[in-house]
Amino acid sequence: MMRYFFSLALLTLLVGGGAVMVQGRTGEGTLVYRATDILNTSTSSISTSTTLAMDGKDAIIVRHLDTPDPLRGIYMTSCVAGDKAWRESLVKFIGDTELNALVIDIKDYTGKISFDTGDPRFIVNSKGCSVKDMKAFIAELHDKGIYVIGRVTVMQDATYPAAHADDAVKRKSTDAIWKDKKGLTYVDPGATGYWDHMVDLAKDAYATGFDEINFDYIRYPSDGDMKDIRFPRSGTSTKSAMMRAFYSYLGGQMHAAGIKSSADLFGMTTTNTDDLNIGQIIEHALLAFDYVAPMVYPSHYPPMFNGWKDPNLVPGEVVKYSMEHAVLRARALEKEVAVEEGKYPAHPGTTTPPFAPTGTFVKKLRPWLQDFQYGGHYGEKEVRAQMQAVYDTGLTSWMVWDPANRYTRSAFDIKSMGD
């Protein structure tokens, strides 16, 4: 379906036989993005922008909301977003509680897209997990003051490699396309043409109304026959260097387009100083994106991590320990950048005051918390313990993940009358 964008100089829309006057600036919107470089974007916000999108006979005003602070969000699969009764239940849940943001799948592990972008390169998921009224749904969420984040799985993709075999991760022994333990294929992170493919998808999603694009699986594969794997596009680059280049490019393109972006990372990137053999280093992501979301799910930490026999039994402690390290590293990064930019001396004298961090990178931290039954029991007590752990580290924003979208509703505070 072809998509048209009209400037909002002074338009009269015929909706349901009635005339609705819409006034705005000439051009595609009133977007104001104050970020001048990659380092100060955490304190900037995208001001509400407006674009008129015409899809066939429908006329929908596409707006973009400021990022809430603090942000409290949950995840919604494209399957649930396509089920009006189920999604309405979750939207009511958000409206009744402290929640103010919703993360919806744009592209999941299938590699297919949850809505029609109008671009034939992006294949719509036709197996029930698609949202025919995505633009209208987002507009409804915005009317309720709900910030909408679009999730894009990047390197894990069961569609793109089939059509672009040269860009796929390969088997070293046969040169066939490599698959992980679940039978899923991956794009080689060194496939720079795919980088632009992701940028174009993000721009289409933003034009549909998503306020922020959340990039997941921005890493090399980790589960499968790792002894028989080859990365034809990465060449001799190290995994961390390639991922850093990708983060920088992707984040830079988003900033240039005025689109807020966030990156999902393994939880252990907050405590490990290596790249976990997947290319992820938290400092590289903090430099590139507006927000960074370590997935600090206690069930994903190994037995005896930090001395805990079973991390599932101490969810609050795991999150606190992990995010304390994230905060320390974010502060250290701010000082390192200040030294590199000459704003703070590398070897301060006795009369130089101590470095006072402003939180440039700390403000970007927004962890994913666990509300799903894996490895142990997760109910109100366990979910609230994780939330409190976030607050104990001085952070205020979080997102909660349940792949089944059946959240422990009692774990979320009810919205007060004044909210």
Protein backbone atom coordinates (compact mmCIF):
# COMPACT_ATOMS: atom_id res chain seq x y z
CA MET A 1 0.00 0.00 0.00
CA MET A 2 1.45 3.33 -1.00
CA ARG A 3 1.94 5.80 1.80
CA TYR A 4 1.57 9.54 1.30
CA PHE A 5 2.76 12.37 3.54
CA PHE A 6 1.33 15.85 3.23
CA SER A 7 2.62 19.06 4.83
CA LEU A 8 0.40 20.51 7.51
CA ALA A 9 0.25 24.07 6.27
CA LEU A 10 -3.53 24.27 6.68
CA LEU A 11 -5.44 21.12 5.69
CA THR A 12 -9.10 20.25 5.80
CA LEU A 13 -9.67 16.54 6.27
CA LEU A 14 -12.92 14.90 5.44
CA VAL A 15 -13.39 12.30 8.15
CA GLY A 16 -16.68 10.46 8.43
CA GLY A 17 -18.38 13.12 6.35
CA GLY A 18 -17.33 15.92 8.71
CA ALA A 19 -14.65 18.56 8.31
CA VAL A 20 -11.72 18.56 10.72
CA MET A 21 -9.30 21.47 10.56
CA VAL A 22 -5.67 20.61 11.16
CA GLN A 23 -3.03 23.29 11.33
CA GLY A 24 0.74 22.91 11.53
CA ARG A 25 4.02 23.90 10.00
CA THR A 26 4.94 23.42 6.40
CA GLY A 27 6.96 20.25 5.88
CA GLU A 28 6.71 16.76 7.26
CA GLY A 29 6.51 17.78 10.89
CA THR A 30 7.49 20.06 13.71
CA LEU A 31 10.29 17.88 14.96
CA VAL A 32 12.85 19.60 17.14
CA TYR A 33 15.94 17.58 18.02
CA ARG A 34 18.48 19.52 20.02
CA ALA A 35 21.24 16.96 20.13
CA THR A 36 24.39 18.28 18.51
CA ASP A 37 26.47 15.20 19.04
CA ILE A 38 26.33 11.64 20.29
CA LEU A 39 27.35 12.51 23.83
CA ASN A 40 24.62 14.89 24.98
CA THR A 41 21.53 13.17 23.63
CA SER A 42 20.46 11.73 26.95
CA THR A 43 19.34 15.15 28.14
CA SER A 44 17.56 15.99 24.90
CA SER A 45 14.04 14.99 24.02
CA ILE A 46 12.11 14.81 20.84
CA SER A 47 9.38 17.40 21.06
CA THR A 48 5.92 16.34 19.99
CA SER A 49 5.89 16.28 16.20
CA THR A 50 3.02 15.93 13.83
CA THR A 51 2.75 14.40 10.38
CA LEU A 52 -0.37 13.67 8.37
CA ALA A 53 -0.28 10.13 7.01
CA MET A 54 -2.78 9.02 4.38
CA ASP A 55 -3.31 5.29 3.94
CA GLY A 56 -6.03 4.76 1.37
CA LYS A 57 -9.18 6.38 2.80
CA ASP A 58 -7.81 6.73 6.32
CA ALA A 59 -6.39 9.97 7.61
CA ILE A 60 -4.34 9.66 10.79
CA ILE A 61 -2.28 12.28 12.51
CA VAL A 62 1.10 10.75 13.34
CA ARG A 63 2.51 12.31 16.50
CA HIS A 64 5.59 11.59 18.56
CA LEU A 65 5.67 11.92 22.32
CA ASP A 66 8.53 13.05 24.52
CA THR A 67 10.35 10.26 26.31
CA PRO A 68 8.82 9.98 29.81
CA ASP A 69 11.13 10.32 32.79
CA PRO A 70 10.99 7.99 34.54
CA LEU A 71 10.00 5.45 31.91
CA ARG A 72 8.12 2.35 33.07
CA GLY A 73 7.29 -0.01 30.24
CA ILE A 74 6.20 -3.52 29.31
CA TYR A 75 6.66 -5.60 26.16
CA MET A 76 3.92 -6.63 23.71
CA THR A 77 4.41 -9.20 20.96
CA SER A 78 3.12 -8.47 17.48
CA CYS A 79 0.72 -11.42 17.92
CA VAL A 80 -0.90 -9.74 20.92
CA ALA A 81 -0.87 -6.35 19.21
CA GLY A 82 -2.85 -7.95 16.40
CA ASP A 83 -5.45 -9.32 18.83
CA LYS A 84 -7.68 -6.36 19.72
CA ALA A 85 -9.23 -7.92 22.82
CA TRP A 86 -5.89 -8.96 24.32
CA ARG A 87 -4.14 -5.71 23.50
CA GLU A 88 -7.02 -3.67 24.92
CA SER A 89 -6.63 -5.54 28.19
CA LEU A 90 -2.92 -4.65 28.33
CA VAL A 91 -3.59 -1.03 27.37
CA LYS A 92 -6.10 -0.77 30.23
CA PHE A 93 -3.49 -2.34 32.52
CA ILE A 94 -1.02 0.37 31.52
CA GLY A 95 -3.62 3.10 32.05
CA ASP A 96 -4.48 1.82 35.52
CA THR A 97 -0.90 1.57 36.78
CA GLU A 98 2.41 3.37 37.00
CA LEU A 99 3.26 2.16 33.48
CA ASN A 100 3.64 4.77 30.76
CA ALA A 101 5.36 2.98 27.86
CA LEU A 102 4.79 0.01 25.59
CA VAL A 103 7.37 -1.91 23.53
CA ILE A 104 5.86 -3.55 20.43
CA ASP A 105 7.59 -5.90 18.01
CA ILE A 106 8.34 -4.41 14.60
CA LYS A 107 10.61 -7.25 13.52
CA ASP A 108 11.12 -10.41 15.56
CA TYR A 109 13.20 -13.56 15.11
CA THR A 110 11.24 -14.48 11.97
CA GLY A 111 12.76 -11.53 10.16
CA LYS A 112 9.30 -10.51 9.03
CA ILE A 113 7.59 -7.23 9.84
CA SER A 114 4.51 -6.81 12.00
CA PHE A 115 2.85 -4.19 9.79
CA ASP A 116 2.86 -2.99 6.19
CA THR A 117 5.51 -0.32 5.80
CA GLY A 118 4.73 0.21 2.13
CA ASP A 119 8.25 -0.96 1.25
CA PRO A 120 8.29 -4.37 -0.50
CA ARG A 121 11.73 -5.13 0.99
CA PHE A 122 10.08 -5.58 4.37
CA ILE A 123 7.92 -8.69 4.24
CA VAL A 124 4.83 -8.62 6.44
CA ASN A 125 4.32 -11.58 8.75
CA SER A 126 1.26 -13.32 7.31
CA LYS A 127 0.93 -16.03 9.98
CA GLY A 128 -1.29 -14.09 12.37
CA CYS A 129 1.42 -12.03 14.07
CA SER A 130 0.77 -8.84 12.17
CA VAL A 131 -1.04 -5.63 13.02
CA LYS A 132 -3.19 -4.33 10.19
CA ASP A 133 -4.06 -1.12 12.03
CA MET A 134 -0.65 -0.33 13.53
CA LYS A 135 -0.80 3.37 12.71
CA ALA A 136 -4.26 3.70 14.26
CA PHE A 137 -3.24 1.63 17.29
CA ILE A 138 -0.24 3.84 17.97
CA ALA A 139 -2.41 6.94 17.59
CA GLU A 140 -4.77 5.46 20.19
CA LEU A 141 -1.86 4.82 22.55
CA HIS A 142 -0.63 8.38 22.09
CA ASP A 143 -4.12 9.70 22.89
CA LYS A 144 -3.78 7.89 26.22
CA GLY A 145 -0.33 9.38 26.81
CA ILE A 146 1.49 6.08 26.26
CA TYR A 147 5.00 6.28 24.80
CA VAL A 148 5.47 3.68 22.05
CA ILE A 149 8.76 1.87 21.42
CA GLY A 150 9.28 -0.38 18.41
CA ARG A 151 11.48 -3.44 18.91
CA VAL A 152 13.65 -4.65 16.05
CA THR A 153 15.65 -7.88 16.27
CA VAL A 154 18.66 -7.17 14.12
CA MET A 155 21.21 -9.93 13.49
CA GLN A 156 18.91 -12.85 14.34
CA ASP A 157 16.78 -13.15 11.22
CA ALA A 158 15.10 -16.13 9.55
CA THR A 159 14.18 -14.24 6.37
CA TYR A 160 16.93 -11.90 5.15
CA PRO A 161 19.73 -14.52 4.92
CA ALA A 162 17.60 -16.70 2.64
CA ALA A 163 17.54 -13.91 0.05
CA HIS A 164 21.04 -12.56 0.77
CA ALA A 165 23.16 -15.65 1.40
CA ASP A 166 26.41 -13.74 0.99
CA ASP A 167 25.50 -11.63 4.02
CA ALA A 168 24.65 -14.61 6.22
CA VAL A 169 26.69 -16.29 8.91
CA LYS A 170 28.06 -19.48 7.30
CA ARG A 171 29.18 -22.95 8.27
CA LYS A 172 32.94 -23.15 8.04
CA SER A 173 32.90 -26.77 6.85
CA THR A 174 30.35 -26.55 4.03
CA ASP A 175 29.77 -22.82 3.42
CA ALA A 176 26.07 -23.47 3.98
CA ILE A 177 24.10 -20.95 6.04
CA TRP A 178 24.77 -21.53 9.74
CA LYS A 179 21.89 -22.06 12.17
CA ASP A 180 21.74 -21.82 15.94
CA LYS A 181 20.27 -24.38 18.33
CA LYS A 182 16.75 -23.20 17.50
CA GLY A 183 17.37 -23.49 13.76
CA LEU A 184 17.51 -19.72 13.29
CA THR A 185 19.86 -17.93 10.92
CA TYR A 186 21.91 -14.80 11.50
CA VAL A 187 23.14 -11.90 9.42
CA ASP A 188 26.89 -11.35 9.60
CA PRO A 189 27.34 -8.10 11.58
CA GLY A 190 29.93 -7.08 8.99
CA ALA A 191 27.31 -6.88 6.23
CA THR A 192 27.27 -3.09 5.96
CA GLY A 193 24.50 -3.10 3.36
CA TYR A 194 22.26 -4.62 6.01
CA TRP A 195 23.05 -1.70 8.30
CA ASP A 196 21.25 0.62 5.90
CA HIS A 197 18.43 -1.92 5.63
CA MET A 198 17.88 -1.53 9.38
CA VAL A 199 18.10 2.25 9.16
CA ASP A 200 15.42 2.31 6.46
CA LEU A 201 13.15 0.06 8.52
CA ALA A 202 13.58 2.31 11.55
CA LYS A 203 12.67 5.38 9.51
CA ASP A 204 9.56 3.67 8.15
CA ALA A 205 8.57 2.69 11.69
CA TYR A 206 9.08 6.22 12.96
CA ALA A 207 6.92 7.55 10.12
CA THR A 208 4.23 5.12 11.28
CA GLY A 209 4.25 6.69 14.73
CA PHE A 210 6.74 4.78 16.89
CA ASP A 211 8.43 7.23 19.27
CA GLU A 212 11.61 5.22 19.71
CA ILE A 213 13.31 2.29 18.01
CA ASN A 214 14.71 -0.44 20.25
CA PHE A 215 17.41 -2.61 18.67
CA ASP A 216 17.76 -6.16 19.99
CA TYR A 217 20.13 -9.00 19.00
CA ILE A 218 22.80 -6.48 18.08
CA ARG A 219 25.48 -9.07 18.52
CA TYR A 220 27.22 -12.11 17.13
CA PRO A 221 25.47 -15.49 17.71
CA SER A 222 26.23 -17.42 20.87
CA ASP A 223 24.21 -20.65 20.85
CA GLY A 224 24.97 -23.40 18.36
CA ASP A 225 27.96 -25.13 16.80
CA MET A 226 30.45 -22.34 17.42
CA LYS A 227 33.32 -24.49 16.17
CA ASP A 228 31.85 -24.63 12.68
CA ILE A 229 31.02 -20.98 12.14
CA ARG A 230 32.35 -18.34 9.75
CA PHE A 231 31.68 -14.64 9.30
CA PRO A 232 32.36 -13.84 5.62
CA ARG A 233 31.52 -10.14 5.87
CA SER A 234 33.40 -9.40 9.09
CA GLY A 235 36.79 -10.24 7.62
CA THR A 236 39.63 -9.90 10.10
CA SER A 237 37.80 -7.45 12.36
CA THR A 238 37.35 -8.41 15.98
CA LYS A 239 33.77 -8.90 17.10
CA SER A 240 33.87 -5.94 19.49
CA ALA A 241 35.35 -3.61 16.86
CA MET A 242 32.71 -4.60 14.32
CA MET A 243 29.85 -4.18 16.74
CA ARG A 244 31.22 -0.83 17.88
CA ALA A 245 31.31 0.35 14.26
CA PHE A 246 27.75 -0.86 13.77
CA TYR A 247 26.52 0.82 16.96
CA SER A 248 28.17 4.08 15.97
CA TYR A 249 26.68 3.99 12.47
CA LEU A 250 23.20 2.98 13.57
CA GLY A 251 23.03 5.44 16.44
CA GLY A 252 24.45 8.21 14.28
CA GLN A 253 21.86 7.63 11.57
CA MET A 254 19.07 7.68 14.13
CA HIS A 255 20.32 10.93 15.65
CA ALA A 256 20.62 12.51 12.22
CA ALA A 257 17.02 11.55 11.48
CA GLY A 258 15.79 12.84 14.85
CA ILE A 259 14.74 9.38 16.03
CA LYS A 260 15.26 8.19 19.60
CA SER A 261 17.05 4.84 19.78
CA SER A 262 17.82 2.23 22.40
CA ALA A 263 19.94 -0.91 22.50
CA ASP A 264 19.38 -4.20 24.29
CA LEU A 265 22.51 -5.87 25.71
CA PHE A 266 23.27 -9.07 27.61
CA GLY A 267 22.97 -8.45 31.35
CA MET A 268 26.53 -9.52 32.00
CA THR A 269 27.87 -6.67 29.86
CA THR A 270 27.56 -4.59 33.03
CA THR A 271 30.02 -6.76 34.94
CA ASN A 272 32.23 -8.39 32.29
CA THR A 273 35.10 -6.40 30.84
CA ASP A 274 35.41 -8.59 27.75
CA ASP A 275 32.88 -8.74 24.90
CA LEU A 276 31.38 -12.10 26.01
CA ASN A 277 32.48 -13.40 22.60
CA ILE A 278 29.46 -11.72 21.02
CA GLY A 279 30.94 -8.25 20.45
CA GLN A 280 28.93 -6.40 23.11
CA ILE A 281 30.69 -3.86 25.33
CA ILE A 282 28.41 -1.56 27.28
CA GLU A 283 30.55 1.56 26.85
CA HIS A 284 30.33 1.25 23.06
CA ALA A 285 26.54 1.19 23.24
CA LEU A 286 26.39 4.10 25.71
CA LEU A 287 28.37 6.23 23.28
CA ALA A 288 26.07 5.45 20.37
CA PHE A 289 22.46 5.22 21.56
CA ASP A 290 20.06 7.39 23.53
CA TYR A 291 19.25 4.55 25.93
CA VAL A 292 20.88 1.24 26.80
CA ALA A 293 18.88 -1.65 28.24
CA PRO A 294 20.91 -4.39 29.93
CA MET A 295 18.76 -7.53 30.12
CA VAL A 296 19.50 -8.28 33.76
CA TYR A 297 17.18 -11.27 34.01
CA PRO A 298 18.35 -13.25 37.06
CA SER A 299 17.55 -16.54 35.29
CA HIS A 300 20.17 -15.75 32.66
CA TYR A 301 23.08 -15.61 35.12
CA PRO A 302 25.07 -18.83 35.70
CA PRO A 303 25.10 -20.73 38.99
CA MET A 304 27.59 -19.28 41.48
CA PHE A 305 27.57 -15.89 39.77
CA ASN A 306 29.00 -13.55 42.43
CA GLY A 307 28.81 -16.49 44.83
CA TRP A 308 25.04 -17.05 44.46
CA LYS A 309 24.32 -20.75 44.03
CA ASP A 310 21.09 -19.95 42.19
CA PRO A 311 20.69 -16.33 41.03
CA ASN A 312 16.94 -16.94 40.63
CA LEU A 313 16.63 -17.04 44.41
CA VAL A 314 18.07 -13.53 44.81
CA PRO A 315 16.56 -11.51 41.92
CA GLY A 316 16.85 -8.17 43.69
CA GLU A 317 20.47 -8.73 44.60
CA VAL A 318 21.36 -9.77 41.05
CA VAL A 319 19.78 -6.68 39.52
CA LYS A 320 21.29 -4.35 42.11
CA TYR A 321 24.78 -5.80 41.70
CA SER A 322 24.56 -5.67 37.91
CA MET A 323 23.17 -2.16 37.67
CA GLU A 324 25.56 -0.78 40.31
CA HIS A 325 28.36 -1.88 38.01
CA ALA A 326 26.59 -0.31 35.04
CA VAL A 327 26.33 3.01 36.89
CA LEU A 328 30.01 2.94 37.88
CA ARG A 329 31.05 2.24 34.30
CA ALA A 330 28.80 4.96 32.95
CA ARG A 331 30.36 7.48 35.33
CA ALA A 332 33.87 6.35 34.43
CA LEU A 333 33.00 6.71 30.75
CA GLU A 334 31.83 10.26 31.31
CA LYS A 335 35.15 11.14 32.93
CA GLU A 336 37.08 9.41 30.14
CA VAL A 337 35.21 11.40 27.52
CA ALA A 338 35.78 14.63 29.45
CA VAL A 339 39.53 13.93 29.52
CA GLU A 340 39.60 13.13 25.81
CA GLU A 341 37.75 16.34 25.03
CA GLY A 342 40.10 18.37 27.21
CA LYS A 343 37.32 19.31 29.63
CA TYR A 344 39.11 17.66 32.53
CA PRO A 345 42.85 17.13 32.96
CA ALA A 346 44.13 13.58 32.67
CA HIS A 347 46.52 14.18 35.58
CA PRO A 348 44.82 16.72 37.85
CA GLY A 349 46.95 18.75 40.22
CA THR A 350 46.24 19.22 43.90
CA THR A 351 44.25 22.38 43.23
CA THR A 352 41.98 20.71 40.66
CA PRO A 353 38.54 19.91 42.12
CA PRO A 354 37.37 16.28 41.93
CA PHE A 355 35.62 15.26 38.76
CA ALA A 356 31.88 15.78 39.20
CA PRO A 357 29.85 13.57 36.85
CA THR A 358 26.60 15.03 35.53
CA GLY A 359 25.07 11.67 34.66
CA THR A 360 25.37 11.99 30.88
CA PHE A 361 25.62 8.24 30.46
CA VAL A 362 24.00 7.11 33.70
CA LYS A 363 20.74 8.67 32.48
CA LYS A 364 20.83 6.37 29.49
CA LEU A 365 20.57 3.20 31.60
CA ARG A 366 17.15 1.56 31.45
CA PRO A 367 17.26 -2.17 32.35
CA TRP A 368 14.96 -4.97 31.26
CA LEU A 369 13.55 -6.85 34.27
CA GLN A 370 12.16 -10.39 34.44
CA ASP A 371 8.50 -11.33 34.84
CA PHE A 372 8.46 -14.80 33.28
CA GLN A 373 8.81 -18.30 34.68
CA TYR A 374 12.23 -19.51 33.67
CA GLY A 375 14.73 -21.02 36.08
CA GLY A 376 12.58 -20.19 39.07
CA HIS A 377 9.35 -18.62 40.27
CA TYR A 378 8.65 -15.00 39.41
CA GLY A 379 5.70 -13.32 41.05
CA GLU A 380 4.93 -10.04 42.79
CA LYS A 381 7.73 -10.38 45.34
CA GLU A 382 10.41 -11.20 42.75
CA VAL A 383 9.35 -8.51 40.26
CA ARG A 384 9.10 -5.80 42.91
CA ALA A 385 12.49 -6.81 44.29
CA GLN A 386 14.02 -6.12 40.88
CA MET A 387 12.28 -2.75 40.61
CA GLN A 388 13.50 -1.74 44.07
CA ALA A 389 17.01 -2.81 43.11
CA VAL A 390 16.89 -0.36 40.21
CA TYR A 391 15.87 2.44 42.57
CA ASP A 392 18.59 1.45 45.04
CA THR A 393 21.22 2.14 42.37
CA GLY A 394 19.86 5.65 41.83
CA LEU A 395 18.09 4.79 38.58
CA THR A 396 14.37 5.31 38.01
CA SER A 397 13.45 3.78 34.65
CA TRP A 398 12.88 0.13 33.76
CA MET A 399 11.09 -2.14 31.31
CA VAL A 400 9.57 -5.51 32.19
CA TRP A 401 9.73 -8.52 29.88
CA ASP A 402 7.34 -11.44 29.63
CA PRO A 403 7.35 -13.17 26.23
CA ALA A 404 3.84 -14.50 26.96
CA ASN A 405 2.57 -10.99 27.83
CA ARG A 406 0.85 -12.29 30.99
CA TYR A 407 2.28 -9.91 33.54
CA THR A 408 2.09 -10.13 37.33
CA ARG A 409 -0.25 -7.19 37.59
CA SER A 410 -0.05 -6.92 41.38
CA ALA A 411 3.68 -6.13 41.01
CA PHE A 412 2.88 -2.73 39.51
CA ASP A 413 1.69 0.24 41.54
CA ILE A 414 -1.83 1.48 40.86
CA LYS A 415 -1.92 4.97 39.42
CA SER A 416 -2.93 7.60 41.98
CA MET A 417 -5.81 10.01 41.39
CA GLY A 418 -3.42 12.88 40.74
CA ASP A 419 -1.45 11.09 38.01
